[in-house]
N, C-alpha and C. Protein backbone atom coordinates (compact mmCIF):
# COMPACT_ATOMS: atom_id res chain seq x y z
N MET A 1 65.58 91.43 -45.66
CA MET A 1 65.20 92.73 -46.16
C MET A 1 64.32 92.51 -47.35
N ALA A 2 63.16 93.24 -47.28
CA ALA A 2 62.21 93.12 -48.38
C ALA A 2 62.66 93.92 -49.64
N VAL A 3 62.27 93.35 -50.84
CA VAL A 3 62.61 94.00 -52.07
C VAL A 3 61.58 95.12 -52.31
N LYS A 4 62.08 96.25 -52.70
CA LYS A 4 61.23 97.48 -52.91
C LYS A 4 60.54 97.27 -54.38
N LYS A 5 59.31 97.59 -54.36
CA LYS A 5 58.57 97.49 -55.58
C LYS A 5 58.14 98.80 -56.03
N LYS A 6 57.77 98.99 -57.32
CA LYS A 6 57.46 100.21 -57.91
C LYS A 6 56.05 100.61 -57.94
N TYR A 7 55.14 99.59 -58.13
CA TYR A 7 53.74 99.75 -58.31
C TYR A 7 52.89 98.79 -57.31
N SER A 8 51.77 99.33 -57.04
CA SER A 8 50.75 98.46 -56.26
C SER A 8 49.42 98.57 -56.74
N VAL A 9 48.60 97.48 -56.64
CA VAL A 9 47.17 97.45 -57.11
C VAL A 9 46.39 96.70 -56.05
N LYS A 10 45.25 97.37 -55.59
CA LYS A 10 44.40 96.68 -54.69
C LYS A 10 43.33 95.95 -55.49
N ALA A 11 43.17 94.64 -55.24
CA ALA A 11 42.22 93.81 -55.92
C ALA A 11 41.85 92.66 -55.03
N GLY A 12 40.48 92.48 -54.94
CA GLY A 12 40.02 91.35 -54.18
C GLY A 12 40.41 91.32 -52.70
N GLY A 13 40.47 92.54 -52.07
CA GLY A 13 40.74 92.53 -50.73
C GLY A 13 42.24 92.35 -50.37
N ARG A 14 43.11 92.36 -51.37
CA ARG A 14 44.56 92.34 -51.09
C ARG A 14 45.31 93.28 -51.99
N THR A 15 46.54 93.62 -51.60
CA THR A 15 47.39 94.46 -52.35
C THR A 15 48.49 93.60 -53.02
N VAL A 16 48.57 93.92 -54.40
CA VAL A 16 49.57 93.18 -55.14
C VAL A 16 50.62 94.19 -55.52
N LYS A 17 51.95 93.95 -55.19
CA LYS A 17 53.06 94.82 -55.56
C LYS A 17 53.76 94.19 -56.66
N PHE A 18 54.25 94.98 -57.61
CA PHE A 18 55.10 94.46 -58.66
C PHE A 18 55.92 95.52 -59.23
N GLY A 19 56.86 95.10 -60.17
CA GLY A 19 57.70 96.06 -60.77
C GLY A 19 58.98 96.42 -59.88
N ALA A 20 60.16 96.37 -60.52
CA ALA A 20 61.39 96.60 -59.82
C ALA A 20 61.59 98.12 -59.77
N LYS A 21 61.91 98.73 -58.61
CA LYS A 21 62.32 100.14 -58.64
C LYS A 21 63.69 100.29 -59.25
N GLY A 22 63.81 101.33 -60.05
CA GLY A 22 65.03 101.73 -60.67
C GLY A 22 65.01 101.23 -62.13
N TYR A 23 64.00 100.58 -62.62
CA TYR A 23 63.93 100.17 -63.93
C TYR A 23 62.75 100.85 -64.65
N SER A 24 62.88 101.20 -65.93
CA SER A 24 61.85 101.92 -66.64
C SER A 24 61.06 100.96 -67.52
N ILE A 25 59.82 101.26 -67.83
CA ILE A 25 59.02 100.47 -68.66
C ILE A 25 58.87 101.29 -69.98
N ALA A 26 59.18 100.62 -71.10
CA ALA A 26 59.19 101.24 -72.39
C ALA A 26 58.38 100.33 -73.38
N PRO A 27 57.04 100.45 -73.39
CA PRO A 27 56.20 99.59 -74.28
C PRO A 27 56.38 100.03 -75.70
N GLY A 28 56.29 99.04 -76.59
CA GLY A 28 56.41 99.34 -78.02
C GLY A 28 57.74 99.39 -78.50
N THR A 29 58.84 99.04 -77.73
CA THR A 29 60.20 99.09 -78.13
C THR A 29 60.86 97.63 -78.14
N LYS A 30 62.02 97.53 -78.67
CA LYS A 30 62.69 96.29 -78.63
C LYS A 30 62.82 95.67 -77.22
N LYS A 31 63.20 96.58 -76.33
CA LYS A 31 63.30 96.26 -74.88
C LYS A 31 61.92 95.64 -74.41
N GLY A 32 60.81 96.19 -74.83
CA GLY A 32 59.49 95.76 -74.46
C GLY A 32 59.23 94.35 -75.05
N ASP A 33 59.63 94.21 -76.39
CA ASP A 33 59.49 92.88 -76.97
C ASP A 33 60.18 91.83 -76.29
N ASN A 34 61.40 92.15 -75.83
CA ASN A 34 62.23 91.17 -75.11
C ASN A 34 61.61 90.81 -73.79
N TYR A 35 61.05 91.74 -73.07
CA TYR A 35 60.43 91.48 -71.83
C TYR A 35 59.15 90.55 -72.04
N CYS A 36 58.31 90.98 -73.05
CA CYS A 36 57.13 90.20 -73.28
C CYS A 36 57.46 88.79 -73.65
N ALA A 37 58.51 88.52 -74.42
CA ALA A 37 58.92 87.20 -74.83
C ALA A 37 59.34 86.41 -73.61
N ARG A 38 60.12 87.07 -72.78
CA ARG A 38 60.55 86.30 -71.54
C ARG A 38 59.42 86.03 -70.56
N SER A 39 58.54 87.03 -70.35
CA SER A 39 57.47 86.83 -69.31
C SER A 39 56.37 85.96 -69.86
N SER A 40 56.25 85.71 -71.10
CA SER A 40 55.13 84.93 -71.69
C SER A 40 55.25 83.44 -71.21
N GLY A 41 56.36 83.00 -70.81
CA GLY A 41 56.62 81.62 -70.36
C GLY A 41 56.32 81.42 -68.91
N ILE A 42 56.01 82.41 -68.10
CA ILE A 42 55.81 82.34 -66.69
C ILE A 42 54.34 81.78 -66.57
N LYS A 43 54.20 80.84 -65.66
CA LYS A 43 52.85 80.12 -65.44
C LYS A 43 51.89 81.14 -64.76
N LYS A 44 50.61 80.97 -65.06
CA LYS A 44 49.65 81.77 -64.32
C LYS A 44 49.54 81.34 -62.85
N CYS A 45 49.14 82.31 -62.03
CA CYS A 45 48.96 82.01 -60.57
C CYS A 45 47.61 81.48 -60.36
N LYS A 46 47.35 80.99 -59.19
CA LYS A 46 46.03 80.40 -58.83
C LYS A 46 45.04 81.46 -58.22
N ASN A 47 45.60 82.62 -57.88
CA ASN A 47 44.85 83.66 -57.11
C ASN A 47 45.09 84.96 -57.88
N PRO A 48 44.48 85.19 -59.02
CA PRO A 48 44.78 86.51 -59.72
C PRO A 48 44.26 87.69 -59.05
N PRO A 49 44.81 88.89 -59.32
CA PRO A 49 45.81 89.16 -60.37
C PRO A 49 47.19 88.85 -59.84
N CYS A 50 48.00 88.31 -60.77
CA CYS A 50 49.37 87.95 -60.50
C CYS A 50 50.31 89.14 -60.83
N PRO A 51 51.40 89.22 -60.10
CA PRO A 51 52.31 90.33 -60.50
C PRO A 51 52.79 90.22 -61.89
N ASN A 52 52.99 89.04 -62.47
CA ASN A 52 53.44 88.96 -63.87
C ASN A 52 52.36 89.47 -64.80
N ASP A 53 51.11 89.15 -64.51
CA ASP A 53 50.00 89.63 -65.37
C ASP A 53 49.88 91.14 -65.38
N LEU A 54 50.14 91.71 -64.17
CA LEU A 54 50.02 93.19 -64.16
C LEU A 54 51.20 93.81 -64.75
N SER A 55 52.46 93.29 -64.67
CA SER A 55 53.58 93.80 -65.41
C SER A 55 53.42 93.67 -66.97
N ARG A 56 52.80 92.55 -67.33
CA ARG A 56 52.57 92.44 -68.76
C ARG A 56 51.61 93.49 -69.30
N GLN A 57 50.60 93.81 -68.52
CA GLN A 57 49.65 94.91 -68.88
C GLN A 57 50.33 96.25 -68.96
N ALA A 58 51.30 96.49 -67.97
CA ALA A 58 52.06 97.79 -68.03
C ALA A 58 52.90 97.88 -69.18
N TRP A 59 53.45 96.71 -69.65
CA TRP A 59 54.25 96.65 -70.85
C TRP A 59 53.46 96.69 -72.14
N GLY A 60 52.20 96.45 -72.10
CA GLY A 60 51.28 96.38 -73.32
C GLY A 60 51.55 95.08 -74.09
N CYS A 61 51.86 93.90 -73.38
CA CYS A 61 52.20 92.69 -74.07
C CYS A 61 50.91 92.13 -74.71
N VAL A 62 51.12 91.71 -76.02
CA VAL A 62 50.10 91.01 -76.74
C VAL A 62 50.90 89.69 -77.25
N GLY A 63 50.77 88.63 -76.59
CA GLY A 63 51.54 87.58 -76.91
C GLY A 63 53.09 87.77 -76.51
N LYS A 64 53.90 87.72 -77.47
CA LYS A 64 55.34 88.01 -77.27
C LYS A 64 55.78 89.32 -77.71
N LYS A 65 54.87 90.18 -78.14
CA LYS A 65 55.11 91.52 -78.52
C LYS A 65 54.58 92.56 -77.69
N SER A 66 55.31 93.77 -77.56
CA SER A 66 54.92 94.86 -76.71
C SER A 66 54.24 95.91 -77.65
N VAL A 67 53.06 96.38 -77.30
CA VAL A 67 52.32 97.35 -78.12
C VAL A 67 52.08 98.53 -77.24
N LYS A 68 52.56 99.70 -77.65
CA LYS A 68 52.45 100.91 -76.84
C LYS A 68 51.06 101.34 -76.60
N SER A 69 50.17 101.15 -77.53
CA SER A 69 48.80 101.62 -77.38
C SER A 69 48.01 100.63 -76.45
N ARG A 70 48.58 99.50 -76.09
CA ARG A 70 47.91 98.53 -75.14
C ARG A 70 48.38 98.69 -73.79
N ALA A 71 49.41 99.50 -73.51
CA ALA A 71 50.00 99.57 -72.22
C ALA A 71 49.14 100.37 -71.27
N LYS A 72 49.12 99.85 -70.02
CA LYS A 72 48.27 100.43 -68.99
C LYS A 72 49.07 101.11 -67.98
N LYS A 73 48.57 102.29 -67.51
CA LYS A 73 49.30 103.10 -66.55
C LYS A 73 48.86 102.62 -65.15
N PHE A 74 49.79 102.47 -64.25
CA PHE A 74 49.54 102.18 -62.83
C PHE A 74 50.08 103.19 -61.86
N SER A 75 49.52 103.45 -60.69
CA SER A 75 50.00 104.39 -59.81
C SER A 75 51.23 103.89 -59.08
N ARG A 76 52.21 104.69 -58.87
CA ARG A 76 53.41 104.29 -58.18
C ARG A 76 53.22 104.29 -56.74
N ILE A 77 54.11 103.44 -56.06
CA ILE A 77 54.15 103.43 -54.56
C ILE A 77 55.01 104.66 -54.18
N LYS A 78 54.56 105.33 -53.14
CA LYS A 78 55.28 106.53 -52.70
C LYS A 78 56.31 106.13 -51.61
């Protein structure tokens, strides 16, 4: 059974799905800082954009901190 994702982005002729359904994104909060700190250690992929990179954009991550003004909005999967 496939895991349901919350967002999708079309880039470079492919669709990248990311974000767990049922969880909320709260940039600029302690929850956001914790997410950014955890995800900063994940290695970059060879074929960008990576799901981790897109999630970090949605959270507004700058290094290990989450900044609300840097957060990017993505369209949800219906």
